[in-house]
Amino acid sequence: MTKPDAYMQWSSAEAFCREQLRSTPEFDVAGYYYDYRLGWPGLIKSLRSLRGVNIFDAQKEALQNDRWRAWVIRRVNSDPACAKQAKAHIRQWGAAALIALPAADL
């Protein structure tokens, strides 16, 4: 059996989470995506769809999960492209930014 493509994994996971949220509103969507290694972009897409929120609010919810927050910090510290996105986020949102970097890094 072949592994389903990323879209099928994301859409199946989102459908599963939607069903779980119907019966258990406190279901940990971010934890589910982390446990099954379904990826940050898929998590944000699903949170936007499931919660009816914008990207900022979806990212805010995802970063409330300690494991995802640690993952994001690792990525920002190790991947120049992620660091660039983090800096742009901080410049855009200022004091409301979801992450912080040392002033010297900005």
N, C-alpha and C. Protein backbone atom coordinates (compact mmCIF):
# COMPACT_ATOMS: atom_id res chain seq x y z
N MET A 1 0.84 -1.17 0.00
CA MET A 1 0.00 0.00 0.00
C MET A 1 0.89 1.24 0.00
N THR A 2 0.59 2.21 -0.84
CA THR A 2 1.39 3.42 -0.91
C THR A 2 0.89 4.45 0.10
N LYS A 3 1.82 5.27 0.53
CA LYS A 3 1.49 6.34 1.47
C LYS A 3 0.66 7.39 0.74
N PRO A 4 -0.45 7.85 1.33
CA PRO A 4 -1.25 8.88 0.67
C PRO A 4 -0.46 10.18 0.55
N ASP A 5 -0.79 10.97 -0.46
CA ASP A 5 -0.07 12.23 -0.61
C ASP A 5 -0.43 13.19 0.54
N ALA A 6 0.31 14.28 0.61
CA ALA A 6 0.16 15.20 1.74
C ALA A 6 -1.26 15.76 1.83
N TYR A 7 -1.87 16.06 0.68
CA TYR A 7 -3.23 16.61 0.72
C TYR A 7 -4.20 15.61 1.32
N MET A 8 -4.09 14.36 0.92
CA MET A 8 -5.00 13.34 1.45
C MET A 8 -4.78 13.16 2.95
N GLN A 9 -3.53 13.19 3.40
CA GLN A 9 -3.26 13.08 4.84
C GLN A 9 -3.91 14.25 5.57
N TRP A 10 -3.73 15.46 5.04
CA TRP A 10 -4.28 16.64 5.69
C TRP A 10 -5.80 16.59 5.70
N SER A 11 -6.43 16.29 4.57
CA SER A 11 -7.88 16.31 4.52
C SER A 11 -8.48 15.20 5.38
N SER A 12 -7.86 14.03 5.42
CA SER A 12 -8.34 12.94 6.28
C SER A 12 -8.18 13.32 7.75
N ALA A 13 -7.07 13.93 8.09
CA ALA A 13 -6.83 14.33 9.47
C ALA A 13 -7.83 15.41 9.88
N GLU A 14 -8.09 16.33 8.98
CA GLU A 14 -9.06 17.39 9.29
C GLU A 14 -10.45 16.80 9.51
N ALA A 15 -10.84 15.86 8.68
CA ALA A 15 -12.15 15.21 8.84
C ALA A 15 -12.22 14.48 10.19
N PHE A 16 -11.13 13.79 10.54
CA PHE A 16 -11.09 13.09 11.83
C PHE A 16 -11.23 14.09 12.98
N CYS A 17 -10.47 15.18 12.91
CA CYS A 17 -10.52 16.19 13.97
C CYS A 17 -11.90 16.83 14.07
N ARG A 18 -12.52 17.09 12.93
CA ARG A 18 -13.87 17.67 12.93
C ARG A 18 -14.84 16.75 13.68
N GLU A 19 -14.73 15.47 13.41
CA GLU A 19 -15.60 14.49 14.09
C GLU A 19 -15.30 14.44 15.59
N GLN A 20 -14.03 14.47 15.95
CA GLN A 20 -13.66 14.46 17.36
C GLN A 20 -14.18 15.69 18.09
N LEU A 21 -14.09 16.85 17.44
CA LEU A 21 -14.54 18.10 18.06
C LEU A 21 -16.05 18.12 18.28
N ARG A 22 -16.79 17.39 17.44
CA ARG A 22 -18.24 17.33 17.64
C ARG A 22 -18.59 16.67 18.97
N SER A 23 -17.85 15.62 19.31
CA SER A 23 -18.14 14.90 20.55
C SER A 23 -17.31 15.38 21.74
N THR A 24 -16.14 15.94 21.46
CA THR A 24 -15.25 16.39 22.53
C THR A 24 -14.69 17.76 22.14
N PRO A 25 -15.39 18.84 22.49
CA PRO A 25 -14.94 20.18 22.05
C PRO A 25 -13.53 20.55 22.48
N GLU A 26 -13.02 19.94 23.54
CA GLU A 26 -11.66 20.26 24.00
C GLU A 26 -10.60 19.38 23.34
N PHE A 27 -10.97 18.61 22.31
CA PHE A 27 -10.02 17.76 21.60
C PHE A 27 -8.81 18.59 21.16
N ASP A 28 -7.60 18.06 21.38
CA ASP A 28 -6.35 18.76 21.10
C ASP A 28 -5.94 18.54 19.64
N VAL A 29 -6.42 19.41 18.77
CA VAL A 29 -6.11 19.31 17.34
C VAL A 29 -4.61 19.44 17.12
N ALA A 30 -3.98 20.42 17.76
CA ALA A 30 -2.54 20.63 17.57
C ALA A 30 -1.75 19.41 18.04
N GLY A 31 -2.13 18.84 19.16
CA GLY A 31 -1.45 17.65 19.66
C GLY A 31 -1.59 16.48 18.70
N TYR A 32 -2.78 16.32 18.12
CA TYR A 32 -3.02 15.25 17.15
C TYR A 32 -2.10 15.41 15.94
N TYR A 33 -2.02 16.63 15.41
CA TYR A 33 -1.17 16.88 14.24
C TYR A 33 0.30 16.64 14.58
N TYR A 34 0.70 17.02 15.79
CA TYR A 34 2.10 16.80 16.20
C TYR A 34 2.38 15.31 16.35
N ASP A 35 1.51 14.60 17.04
CA ASP A 35 1.72 13.17 17.29
C ASP A 35 1.84 12.38 15.99
N TYR A 36 1.06 12.75 14.98
CA TYR A 36 1.06 12.02 13.72
C TYR A 36 1.92 12.68 12.65
N ARG A 37 2.72 13.67 13.06
CA ARG A 37 3.68 14.33 12.17
C ARG A 37 3.04 14.81 10.88
N LEU A 38 1.93 15.51 11.04
CA LEU A 38 1.18 15.97 9.88
C LEU A 38 1.59 17.36 9.41
N GLY A 39 2.49 18.00 10.13
CA GLY A 39 3.10 19.23 9.65
C GLY A 39 2.40 20.51 10.05
N TRP A 40 3.22 21.55 10.15
CA TRP A 40 2.75 22.88 10.54
C TRP A 40 1.76 23.47 9.52
N PRO A 41 2.07 23.48 8.22
CA PRO A 41 1.12 24.08 7.27
C PRO A 41 -0.25 23.40 7.32
N GLY A 42 -0.27 22.07 7.40
CA GLY A 42 -1.54 21.36 7.47
C GLY A 42 -2.30 21.68 8.74
N LEU A 43 -1.58 21.81 9.85
CA LEU A 43 -2.21 22.18 11.12
C LEU A 43 -2.86 23.54 11.01
N ILE A 44 -2.14 24.51 10.48
CA ILE A 44 -2.69 25.87 10.37
C ILE A 44 -3.90 25.88 9.44
N LYS A 45 -3.82 25.19 8.32
CA LYS A 45 -4.97 25.11 7.39
C LYS A 45 -6.18 24.49 8.09
N SER A 46 -5.94 23.42 8.82
CA SER A 46 -7.05 22.75 9.50
C SER A 46 -7.63 23.61 10.61
N LEU A 47 -6.79 24.25 11.39
CA LEU A 47 -7.31 25.11 12.46
C LEU A 47 -8.14 26.25 11.87
N ARG A 48 -7.70 26.81 10.77
CA ARG A 48 -8.48 27.87 10.12
C ARG A 48 -9.84 27.36 9.69
N SER A 49 -9.86 26.18 9.12
CA SER A 49 -11.11 25.60 8.65
C SER A 49 -12.01 25.17 9.81
N LEU A 50 -11.43 24.48 10.77
CA LEU A 50 -12.21 23.95 11.89
C LEU A 50 -12.75 25.04 12.81
N ARG A 51 -11.97 26.06 13.02
CA ARG A 51 -12.34 27.12 13.97
C ARG A 51 -12.91 28.37 13.30
N GLY A 52 -12.74 28.45 11.98
CA GLY A 52 -13.22 29.63 11.27
C GLY A 52 -12.45 30.89 11.65
N VAL A 53 -11.12 30.75 11.78
CA VAL A 53 -10.28 31.87 12.21
C VAL A 53 -9.27 32.24 11.13
N ASN A 54 -8.61 33.38 11.34
CA ASN A 54 -7.58 33.82 10.39
C ASN A 54 -6.25 33.12 10.70
N ILE A 55 -5.25 33.38 9.88
CA ILE A 55 -3.95 32.71 10.05
C ILE A 55 -3.33 33.05 11.40
N PHE A 56 -3.37 34.32 11.79
CA PHE A 56 -2.78 34.73 13.07
C PHE A 56 -3.39 33.95 14.23
N ASP A 57 -4.71 33.85 14.27
CA ASP A 57 -5.38 33.14 15.37
C ASP A 57 -5.12 31.64 15.32
N ALA A 58 -5.00 31.09 14.12
CA ALA A 58 -4.67 29.66 14.01
C ALA A 58 -3.25 29.41 14.53
N GLN A 59 -2.31 30.29 14.17
CA GLN A 59 -0.95 30.15 14.66
C GLN A 59 -0.90 30.33 16.18
N LYS A 60 -1.68 31.27 16.68
CA LYS A 60 -1.73 31.51 18.12
C LYS A 60 -2.20 30.25 18.86
N GLU A 61 -3.26 29.62 18.35
CA GLU A 61 -3.75 28.39 18.97
C GLU A 61 -2.70 27.28 18.88
N ALA A 62 -2.06 27.14 17.73
CA ALA A 62 -1.06 26.08 17.55
C ALA A 62 0.11 26.28 18.51
N LEU A 63 0.51 27.52 18.73
CA LEU A 63 1.66 27.79 19.59
C LEU A 63 1.33 27.65 21.08
N GLN A 64 0.08 27.46 21.41
CA GLN A 64 -0.28 27.17 22.80
C GLN A 64 0.11 25.74 23.16
N ASN A 65 0.37 24.91 22.16
CA ASN A 65 0.83 23.55 22.38
C ASN A 65 2.35 23.60 22.60
N ASP A 66 2.80 23.14 23.76
CA ASP A 66 4.22 23.23 24.11
C ASP A 66 5.13 22.54 23.10
N ARG A 67 4.68 21.41 22.55
CA ARG A 67 5.53 20.68 21.61
C ARG A 67 5.68 21.45 20.29
N TRP A 68 4.58 22.04 19.81
CA TRP A 68 4.67 22.84 18.59
C TRP A 68 5.51 24.09 18.82
N ARG A 69 5.35 24.73 20.00
CA ARG A 69 6.14 25.92 20.29
C ARG A 69 7.63 25.57 20.27
N ALA A 70 8.01 24.46 20.89
CA ALA A 70 9.41 24.04 20.89
C ALA A 70 9.88 23.75 19.47
N TRP A 71 9.03 23.13 18.65
CA TRP A 71 9.37 22.83 17.27
C TRP A 71 9.63 24.12 16.49
N VAL A 72 8.75 25.10 16.67
CA VAL A 72 8.90 26.38 15.97
C VAL A 72 10.20 27.06 16.39
N ILE A 73 10.50 27.06 17.67
CA ILE A 73 11.74 27.67 18.15
C ILE A 73 12.95 26.98 17.54
N ARG A 74 12.93 25.64 17.50
CA ARG A 74 14.04 24.90 16.88
C ARG A 74 14.19 25.29 15.41
N ARG A 75 13.08 25.38 14.70
CA ARG A 75 13.13 25.72 13.27
C ARG A 75 13.67 27.14 13.06
N VAL A 76 13.19 28.07 13.86
CA VAL A 76 13.65 29.46 13.72
C VAL A 76 15.15 29.54 13.99
N ASN A 77 15.63 28.77 14.95
CA ASN A 77 17.06 28.81 15.30
C ASN A 77 17.95 28.04 14.33
N SER A 78 17.37 27.15 13.53
CA SER A 78 18.21 26.32 12.66
C SER A 78 18.00 26.54 11.17
N ASP A 79 16.93 27.17 10.78
CA ASP A 79 16.60 27.33 9.36
C ASP A 79 16.52 28.82 9.02
N PRO A 80 17.44 29.32 8.20
CA PRO A 80 17.44 30.75 7.86
C PRO A 80 16.11 31.24 7.26
N ALA A 81 15.44 30.41 6.48
CA ALA A 81 14.16 30.81 5.90
C ALA A 81 13.10 30.99 7.00
N CYS A 82 13.12 30.13 7.99
CA CYS A 82 12.18 30.24 9.11
C CYS A 82 12.50 31.48 9.94
N ALA A 83 13.79 31.73 10.15
CA ALA A 83 14.19 32.92 10.90
C ALA A 83 13.72 34.18 10.18
N LYS A 84 13.83 34.19 8.85
CA LYS A 84 13.39 35.33 8.06
C LYS A 84 11.88 35.54 8.23
N GLN A 85 11.11 34.46 8.20
CA GLN A 85 9.66 34.58 8.39
C GLN A 85 9.33 35.06 9.80
N ALA A 86 10.07 34.57 10.79
CA ALA A 86 9.84 34.99 12.17
C ALA A 86 10.10 36.49 12.32
N LYS A 87 11.17 36.98 11.72
CA LYS A 87 11.49 38.40 11.79
C LYS A 87 10.41 39.24 11.12
N ALA A 88 9.92 38.78 9.98
CA ALA A 88 8.84 39.50 9.29
C ALA A 88 7.57 39.52 10.15
N HIS A 89 7.28 38.41 10.81
CA HIS A 89 6.11 38.33 11.69
C HIS A 89 6.25 39.35 12.83
N ILE A 90 7.42 39.41 13.43
CA ILE A 90 7.65 40.33 14.54
C ILE A 90 7.54 41.79 14.08
N ARG A 91 8.10 42.09 12.92
CA ARG A 91 8.00 43.46 12.38
C ARG A 91 6.54 43.82 12.12
N GLN A 92 5.77 42.86 11.57
CA GLN A 92 4.37 43.13 11.24
C GLN A 92 3.51 43.32 12.48
N TRP A 93 3.71 42.47 13.49
CA TRP A 93 2.81 42.45 14.64
C TRP A 93 3.33 43.20 15.85
N GLY A 94 4.60 43.53 15.89
CA GLY A 94 5.15 44.29 17.01
C GLY A 94 4.91 43.60 18.34
N ALA A 95 4.35 44.34 19.30
CA ALA A 95 4.13 43.82 20.65
C ALA A 95 3.15 42.65 20.66
N ALA A 96 2.30 42.54 19.65
CA ALA A 96 1.32 41.44 19.58
C ALA A 96 1.89 40.18 18.94
N ALA A 97 3.16 40.21 18.54
CA ALA A 97 3.77 39.05 17.88
C ALA A 97 3.68 37.81 18.76
N LEU A 98 3.56 36.66 18.12
CA LEU A 98 3.40 35.39 18.82
C LEU A 98 4.72 34.80 19.30
N ILE A 99 5.83 35.29 18.76
CA ILE A 99 7.15 34.81 19.15
C ILE A 99 8.03 36.03 19.40
N ALA A 100 9.14 35.79 20.06
CA ALA A 100 10.09 36.87 20.32
C ALA A 100 11.49 36.40 19.97
N LEU A 101 12.30 37.31 19.51
CA LEU A 101 13.71 37.04 19.22
C LEU A 101 14.53 38.10 19.96
N PRO A 102 15.75 37.79 20.29
CA PRO A 102 16.61 38.81 20.89
C PRO A 102 16.71 40.02 19.96
N ALA A 103 16.74 41.22 20.53
CA ALA A 103 16.78 42.44 19.72
C ALA A 103 17.93 42.43 18.72
N ALA A 104 19.05 41.84 19.09
CA ALA A 104 20.22 41.79 18.20
C ALA A 104 19.93 40.99 16.94
N ASP A 105 18.98 40.06 17.00
CA ASP A 105 18.66 39.22 15.85
C ASP A 105 17.71 39.90 14.88
N LEU A 106 17.08 40.97 15.29
CA LEU A 106 16.13 41.65 14.41
C LEU A 106 16.87 42.61 13.54
